[in-house]
Amino acid sequence: MEIREKTPAATHSLEEQFQAKIDADIRIEPKDWMPDAYRKTLIRQIGQHAHSEIVGMLPEGNWITRAPSLKRKAILLAKVQDEAGHGLYLYAAAETLGVDRDEMIRELHSGKAKYSSIFNYPTISWADMGAIGWLVDGAAILNQIPICRCSYGPYARAMVRICKEESFHQRQGFEILLTLANGSPEQRAMAQDSINRWYWPAVMMFGPSDADSTHSEQSMKWKIKRFSNDELRQRFVDMIAEQVKVLGLTLPDPDLKWNEERGHYDFGPIDWEEFWNIVKGNGPCNKQRIQTRRKAYDDGAWVREAALAYAVKKRRREVEKTGVQAA
């Protein structure tokens, strides 16, 4: 059979067929044809998401040895372990697109790849473990639940379990703050201070405003994203403004007010200068986070090498036993 090179018209037809599948909510799988731009967008987004989970372990891991009780230590340890698992799910999903995991990690360590700006803030009190759970994981849930309906199958399926675990993390963080808010005056003040420091960075987590977002429009057309940055940000503010009432604490926004006509809370201006400064690598902990991540990776090289050697040894034994070369 003669194989003919695809003409521009044929490529255009493939793109039309691809978009028709997207519009019909038919998921794209790894072996399906997809535009190069779609593949690159997914690699960028999934990679950034995976990096955020891995780097996000650092500010919380800082408090495992200093948790106020054995129960709190065990819960926090389990949560940090969950985040590591989320990163692995996502790296695996990205690999279905043909990208090499080691290359993704090298890009993270070199500063070429980005991760969520929120993880470049310091954790200076135990209450920060509550604020991260309630605010940061709360923002993550709103951003990630729609990804369970993402057009790319491996990404969507990975997000189902991740979102279930993130929901638990949010409740756990809220419970920490609720306990502190009902404790001593010093504990209550600690909780309020933590909310004051983490609220606005959490609001920024949804990314730049829609007018300044270079990827949102195309990602929504491809149904990689289902809602815009500003839509999700508004949902977050509406949710947190009600939940903080249960804590009996306040949010650091004097402009926060319910707008009956809009059916949403109005909120104050976002400090975009701070946001972009952190994205560009100039945040309070940018350098520290990457240095710590690189050191952890280098220190763990022997574990990866041992696991690989064991896998090779096990495969060789199976071949010797069965006489069949594994695929």
Protein backbone atom coordinates (compact mmCIF):
# COMPACT_ATOMS: atom_id res chain seq x y z
CA MET A 1 0.00 0.00 0.00
CA GLU A 2 1.33 3.39 -0.96
CA ILE A 3 1.75 5.75 1.99
CA ARG A 4 1.21 9.35 1.07
CA GLU A 5 2.45 12.31 3.00
CA LYS A 6 -0.32 14.23 4.77
CA THR A 7 -1.33 17.34 2.92
CA PRO A 8 -2.27 20.60 4.71
CA ALA A 9 -5.90 19.80 3.88
CA ALA A 10 -5.60 16.41 5.56
CA THR A 11 -4.03 17.98 8.62
CA HIS A 12 -6.82 20.53 8.73
CA SER A 13 -9.32 17.70 8.55
CA LEU A 14 -7.62 15.95 11.48
CA GLU A 15 -7.78 19.16 13.49
CA GLU A 16 -11.49 19.47 12.70
CA GLN A 17 -12.08 15.89 13.77
CA PHE A 18 -10.07 16.48 16.93
CA GLN A 19 -12.06 19.60 17.86
CA ALA A 20 -15.32 17.78 17.10
CA LYS A 21 -14.37 15.11 19.64
CA ILE A 22 -13.57 17.82 22.18
CA ASP A 23 -16.89 19.56 21.56
CA ALA A 24 -18.72 16.24 21.98
CA ASP A 25 -16.95 15.64 25.32
CA ILE A 26 -15.15 12.58 23.97
CA ARG A 27 -11.86 12.20 25.80
CA ILE A 28 -8.56 12.25 24.00
CA GLU A 29 -6.33 9.28 24.82
CA PRO A 30 -2.53 8.98 24.44
CA LYS A 31 -2.59 7.14 21.10
CA ASP A 32 -5.15 9.48 19.54
CA TRP A 33 -4.05 12.13 17.08
CA MET A 34 -3.71 15.55 18.68
CA PRO A 35 -2.29 18.92 17.59
CA ASP A 36 1.25 19.62 18.72
CA ALA A 37 0.03 22.75 20.50
CA TYR A 38 -2.50 20.69 22.50
CA ARG A 39 0.24 18.26 23.53
CA LYS A 40 2.61 21.07 24.52
CA THR A 41 -0.10 22.85 26.50
CA LEU A 42 -0.88 19.68 28.43
CA ILE A 43 2.79 18.99 29.13
CA ARG A 44 3.22 22.52 30.45
CA GLN A 45 0.09 22.42 32.62
CA ILE A 46 0.47 18.88 33.95
CA GLY A 47 4.16 19.47 34.55
CA GLN A 48 3.48 22.68 36.46
CA HIS A 49 0.81 20.87 38.47
CA ALA A 50 3.15 17.96 39.29
CA HIS A 51 5.97 20.32 40.29
CA SER A 52 3.56 22.22 42.55
CA GLU A 53 2.64 19.03 44.40
CA ILE A 54 6.29 18.09 44.92
CA VAL A 55 7.53 21.55 45.93
CA GLY A 56 4.37 21.93 48.04
CA MET A 57 5.65 19.19 50.33
CA LEU A 58 8.45 21.46 51.55
CA PRO A 59 6.64 24.19 53.54
CA GLU A 60 4.56 21.55 55.35
CA GLY A 61 7.37 19.05 55.78
CA ASN A 62 9.08 21.82 57.72
CA TRP A 63 6.54 21.26 60.54
CA ILE A 64 6.40 17.46 60.79
CA THR A 65 8.96 17.30 63.59
CA ARG A 66 7.41 20.31 65.36
CA ALA A 67 3.72 19.31 65.30
CA PRO A 68 2.11 19.89 68.72
CA SER A 69 1.04 16.27 69.27
CA LEU A 70 1.64 12.76 67.98
CA LYS A 71 -1.81 12.81 66.36
CA ARG A 72 -1.05 16.05 64.51
CA LYS A 73 2.34 14.69 63.46
CA ALA A 74 0.78 11.52 62.00
CA ILE A 75 -1.90 13.49 60.12
CA LEU A 76 0.61 15.95 58.67
CA LEU A 77 2.99 13.15 57.71
CA ALA A 78 0.15 11.38 55.87
CA LYS A 79 -0.80 14.60 54.10
CA VAL A 80 2.74 15.26 52.88
CA GLN A 81 2.87 11.67 51.67
CA ASP A 82 -0.37 12.28 49.76
CA GLU A 83 1.21 15.26 48.01
CA ALA A 84 4.14 13.10 46.90
CA GLY A 85 1.66 10.62 45.47
CA HIS A 86 -0.16 13.37 43.61
CA GLY A 87 3.10 14.44 42.00
CA LEU A 88 3.78 10.87 40.88
CA TYR A 89 0.28 10.46 39.39
CA LEU A 90 0.77 13.66 37.43
CA TYR A 91 4.29 12.90 36.22
CA ALA A 92 2.94 9.56 35.00
CA ALA A 93 0.08 11.32 33.19
CA ALA A 94 2.57 13.68 31.53
CA GLU A 95 4.70 10.76 30.39
CA THR A 96 1.79 9.46 28.30
CA LEU A 97 2.38 12.54 26.14
CA GLY A 98 5.91 11.43 25.32
CA VAL A 99 7.78 13.69 27.72
CA ASP A 100 10.62 12.29 29.84
CA ARG A 101 10.13 12.57 33.60
CA ASP A 102 13.80 13.16 34.29
CA GLU A 103 13.77 16.04 31.81
CA MET A 104 10.74 17.55 33.55
CA ILE A 105 12.53 17.38 36.89
CA ARG A 106 15.68 18.92 35.39
CA GLU A 107 13.58 21.81 34.11
CA LEU A 108 12.13 22.30 37.59
CA HIS A 109 15.57 22.31 39.20
CA SER A 110 16.98 24.71 36.61
CA GLY A 111 14.13 27.18 37.12
CA LYS A 112 12.83 26.78 33.57
CA ALA A 113 9.63 25.05 34.69
CA LYS A 114 7.18 26.87 36.96
CA TYR A 115 5.15 25.78 39.95
CA SER A 116 2.43 27.47 41.98
CA SER A 117 3.55 30.81 43.40
CA ILE A 118 1.91 29.98 46.75
CA PHE A 119 4.72 27.63 47.73
CA ASN A 120 7.28 30.41 47.85
CA TYR A 121 5.94 31.79 51.13
CA PRO A 122 7.42 30.77 54.52
CA THR A 123 5.58 28.73 57.16
CA ILE A 124 6.39 30.48 60.42
CA SER A 125 3.81 29.03 62.83
CA TRP A 126 1.81 25.85 63.40
CA ALA A 127 -1.32 27.75 62.37
CA ASP A 128 0.14 27.93 58.86
CA MET A 129 -0.57 24.19 58.55
CA GLY A 130 -4.22 25.03 59.05
CA ALA A 131 -4.18 28.00 56.69
CA ILE A 132 -2.48 25.97 53.95
CA GLY A 133 -5.04 23.21 54.31
CA TRP A 134 -8.05 25.51 54.39
CA LEU A 135 -6.99 28.22 51.95
CA VAL A 136 -4.37 26.68 49.65
CA ASP A 137 -5.95 23.25 49.33
CA GLY A 138 -9.37 24.90 49.19
CA ALA A 139 -8.24 26.94 46.20
CA ALA A 140 -6.67 23.85 44.66
CA ILE A 141 -9.93 21.91 44.93
CA LEU A 142 -11.89 24.60 43.10
CA ASN A 143 -9.26 24.64 40.38
CA GLN A 144 -8.87 20.88 40.14
CA ILE A 145 -12.41 19.48 40.33
CA PRO A 146 -13.19 20.75 36.80
CA ILE A 147 -10.03 18.98 35.59
CA CYS A 148 -11.76 15.69 36.43
CA ARG A 149 -13.72 16.50 33.25
CA CYS A 150 -10.61 17.53 31.32
CA SER A 151 -10.53 16.49 27.67
CA TYR A 152 -7.33 14.48 28.15
CA GLY A 153 -8.14 11.09 29.67
CA PRO A 154 -5.01 10.30 31.76
CA TYR A 155 -5.05 13.77 33.35
CA ALA A 156 -8.77 13.62 34.11
CA ARG A 157 -8.52 10.16 35.69
CA ALA A 158 -5.53 11.11 37.84
CA MET A 159 -7.48 14.07 39.20
CA VAL A 160 -10.36 11.96 40.56
CA ARG A 161 -8.29 10.51 43.39
CA ILE A 162 -6.28 13.70 43.88
CA CYS A 163 -9.43 15.75 44.43
CA LYS A 164 -10.79 13.27 46.99
CA GLU A 165 -7.60 13.55 48.99
CA GLU A 166 -7.39 17.34 48.63
CA SER A 167 -10.92 17.60 50.00
CA PHE A 168 -9.78 15.78 53.12
CA HIS A 169 -6.75 18.07 53.37
CA GLN A 170 -8.98 21.13 53.32
CA ARG A 171 -11.17 19.81 56.12
CA GLN A 172 -8.12 18.89 58.14
CA GLY A 173 -6.71 22.42 57.75
CA PHE A 174 -10.01 24.00 58.72
CA GLU A 175 -10.15 21.81 61.83
CA ILE A 176 -6.68 23.00 62.89
CA LEU A 177 -7.77 26.64 62.60
CA LEU A 178 -11.08 25.97 64.34
CA THR A 179 -9.24 24.37 67.28
CA LEU A 180 -6.88 27.34 67.52
CA ALA A 181 -9.71 29.86 67.14
CA ASN A 182 -11.47 28.27 70.13
CA GLY A 183 -8.28 28.04 72.18
CA SER A 184 -6.33 30.58 74.19
CA PRO A 185 -6.08 34.24 73.13
CA GLU A 186 -2.55 33.51 71.92
CA GLN A 187 -3.73 30.57 69.80
CA ARG A 188 -6.58 32.61 68.36
CA ALA A 189 -4.15 35.42 67.49
CA MET A 190 -1.85 32.87 65.84
CA ALA A 191 -4.72 31.61 63.67
CA GLN A 192 -5.73 35.13 62.66
CA ASP A 193 -2.15 36.07 61.80
CA SER A 194 -1.82 33.01 59.60
CA ILE A 195 -5.01 33.83 57.71
CA ASN A 196 -3.79 37.40 57.26
CA ARG A 197 -0.60 36.15 55.60
CA TRP A 198 -2.02 33.35 53.45
CA TYR A 199 -5.34 34.73 52.22
CA TRP A 200 -4.13 37.00 49.42
CA PRO A 201 -1.48 34.55 48.12
CA ALA A 202 -4.30 31.96 47.95
CA VAL A 203 -6.45 34.38 45.97
CA MET A 204 -3.53 34.80 43.55
CA MET A 205 -3.23 31.02 43.11
CA PHE A 206 -5.77 31.07 40.28
CA GLY A 207 -3.27 32.88 38.10
CA PRO A 208 -3.38 36.23 36.32
CA SER A 209 -6.62 37.97 35.50
CA ASP A 210 -8.39 36.72 32.39
CA ALA A 211 -7.27 39.80 30.45
CA ASP A 212 -3.60 38.96 31.15
CA SER A 213 -3.78 35.16 30.83
CA THR A 214 -2.08 34.01 27.64
CA HIS A 215 -3.24 30.39 27.76
CA SER A 216 -6.77 30.41 29.20
CA GLU A 217 -8.80 31.03 26.06
CA GLN A 218 -7.24 28.21 24.04
CA SER A 219 -7.20 25.84 27.02
CA MET A 220 -10.92 26.41 27.50
CA LYS A 221 -11.60 25.77 23.82
CA TRP A 222 -9.77 22.45 24.16
CA LYS A 223 -11.57 21.82 27.47
CA ILE A 224 -8.31 21.39 29.31
CA LYS A 225 -9.79 24.13 31.48
CA ARG A 226 -13.51 24.45 32.08
CA PHE A 227 -13.61 27.82 33.84
CA SER A 228 -11.56 30.99 33.60
CA ASN A 229 -9.14 32.19 36.27
CA ASP A 230 -11.43 34.99 37.39
CA GLU A 231 -14.50 32.74 37.57
CA LEU A 232 -12.69 30.32 39.86
CA ARG A 233 -11.23 33.16 41.93
CA GLN A 234 -14.73 34.55 42.53
CA ARG A 235 -15.98 31.12 43.62
CA PHE A 236 -13.10 30.88 46.06
CA VAL A 237 -13.76 34.27 47.64
CA ASP A 238 -17.47 33.48 47.94
CA MET A 239 -16.68 30.17 49.68
CA ILE A 240 -14.01 31.46 52.07
CA ALA A 241 -16.00 34.58 53.02
CA GLU A 242 -18.74 32.32 54.40
CA GLN A 243 -16.50 29.70 56.00
CA VAL A 244 -14.45 32.26 57.92
CA LYS A 245 -17.63 33.18 59.82
CA VAL A 246 -17.61 29.71 61.37
CA LEU A 247 -14.08 30.33 62.61
CA GLY A 248 -15.12 33.66 64.11
CA LEU A 249 -12.09 35.23 62.45
CA THR A 250 -11.74 37.76 59.62
CA LEU A 251 -10.22 38.02 56.18
CA PRO A 252 -7.63 40.77 55.54
CA ASP A 253 -9.76 42.60 52.98
CA PRO A 254 -11.58 45.77 54.08
CA ASP A 255 -13.35 45.89 50.70
CA LEU A 256 -14.93 42.45 51.10
CA LYS A 257 -18.69 42.92 50.91
CA TRP A 258 -21.69 40.94 49.67
CA ASN A 259 -23.12 42.34 46.45
CA GLU A 260 -26.82 41.50 46.33
CA GLU A 261 -27.16 42.52 42.70
CA ARG A 262 -24.29 40.29 41.51
CA GLY A 263 -24.99 37.50 43.94
CA HIS A 264 -21.28 37.40 44.81
CA TYR A 265 -18.83 39.01 47.20
CA ASP A 266 -16.98 42.07 45.99
CA PHE A 267 -13.32 42.04 47.04
CA GLY A 268 -10.38 44.39 47.01
CA PRO A 269 -7.59 44.83 44.44
CA ILE A 270 -4.99 42.10 44.03
CA ASP A 271 -1.32 43.01 44.31
CA TRP A 272 -0.29 41.79 40.86
CA GLU A 273 3.18 43.26 41.27
CA GLU A 274 3.79 40.83 44.13
CA PHE A 275 2.35 37.94 42.10
CA TRP A 276 4.57 38.53 39.06
CA ASN A 277 7.60 39.15 41.25
CA ILE A 278 7.22 35.71 42.79
CA VAL A 279 6.50 34.04 39.43
CA LYS A 280 9.77 35.53 38.16
CA GLY A 281 11.66 33.89 41.01
CA ASN A 282 11.98 36.79 43.45
CA GLY A 283 9.65 35.61 46.23
CA PRO A 284 10.56 35.12 49.91
CA CYS A 285 11.48 31.44 49.47
CA ASN A 286 11.95 30.83 45.72
CA LYS A 287 15.69 30.10 45.91
CA GLN A 288 15.38 28.15 49.15
CA ARG A 289 12.63 25.90 47.78
CA ILE A 290 14.56 24.97 44.62
CA GLN A 291 17.83 24.47 46.52
CA THR A 292 16.07 22.17 48.99
CA ARG A 293 14.36 20.29 46.18
CA ARG A 294 17.65 19.78 44.30
CA LYS A 295 19.39 18.57 47.45
CA ALA A 296 16.59 16.09 48.20
CA TYR A 297 16.78 14.77 44.64
CA ASP A 298 20.57 14.38 44.75
CA ASP A 299 20.49 12.78 48.22
CA GLY A 300 17.90 10.28 46.99
CA ALA A 301 19.91 9.18 43.94
CA TRP A 302 21.09 6.00 45.70
CA VAL A 303 17.47 4.96 46.33
CA ARG A 304 16.57 5.32 42.65
CA GLU A 305 19.72 3.46 41.61
CA ALA A 306 19.01 0.65 44.08
CA ALA A 307 15.42 0.32 42.89
CA LEU A 308 16.55 0.17 39.27
CA ALA A 309 19.21 -2.44 40.07
CA TYR A 310 16.65 -4.53 41.93
CA ALA A 311 14.21 -4.34 39.01
CA VAL A 312 16.92 -5.49 36.58
CA LYS A 313 17.93 -8.32 38.91
CA LYS A 314 14.33 -9.43 39.36
CA ARG A 315 13.71 -9.39 35.61
CA ARG A 316 16.85 -11.45 34.98
CA ARG A 317 15.78 -14.06 37.50
CA GLU A 318 12.35 -14.33 35.90
CA VAL A 319 13.97 -14.87 32.50
CA GLU A 320 16.26 -17.57 33.92
CA LYS A 321 13.31 -19.27 35.59
CA THR A 322 10.87 -19.17 32.69
CA GLY A 323 13.16 -18.81 29.74
CA VAL A 324 10.88 -16.03 28.44
CA GLN A 325 12.19 -12.50 27.93
CA ALA A 326 9.81 -9.97 29.49
CA ALA A 327 8.39 -7.35 27.17
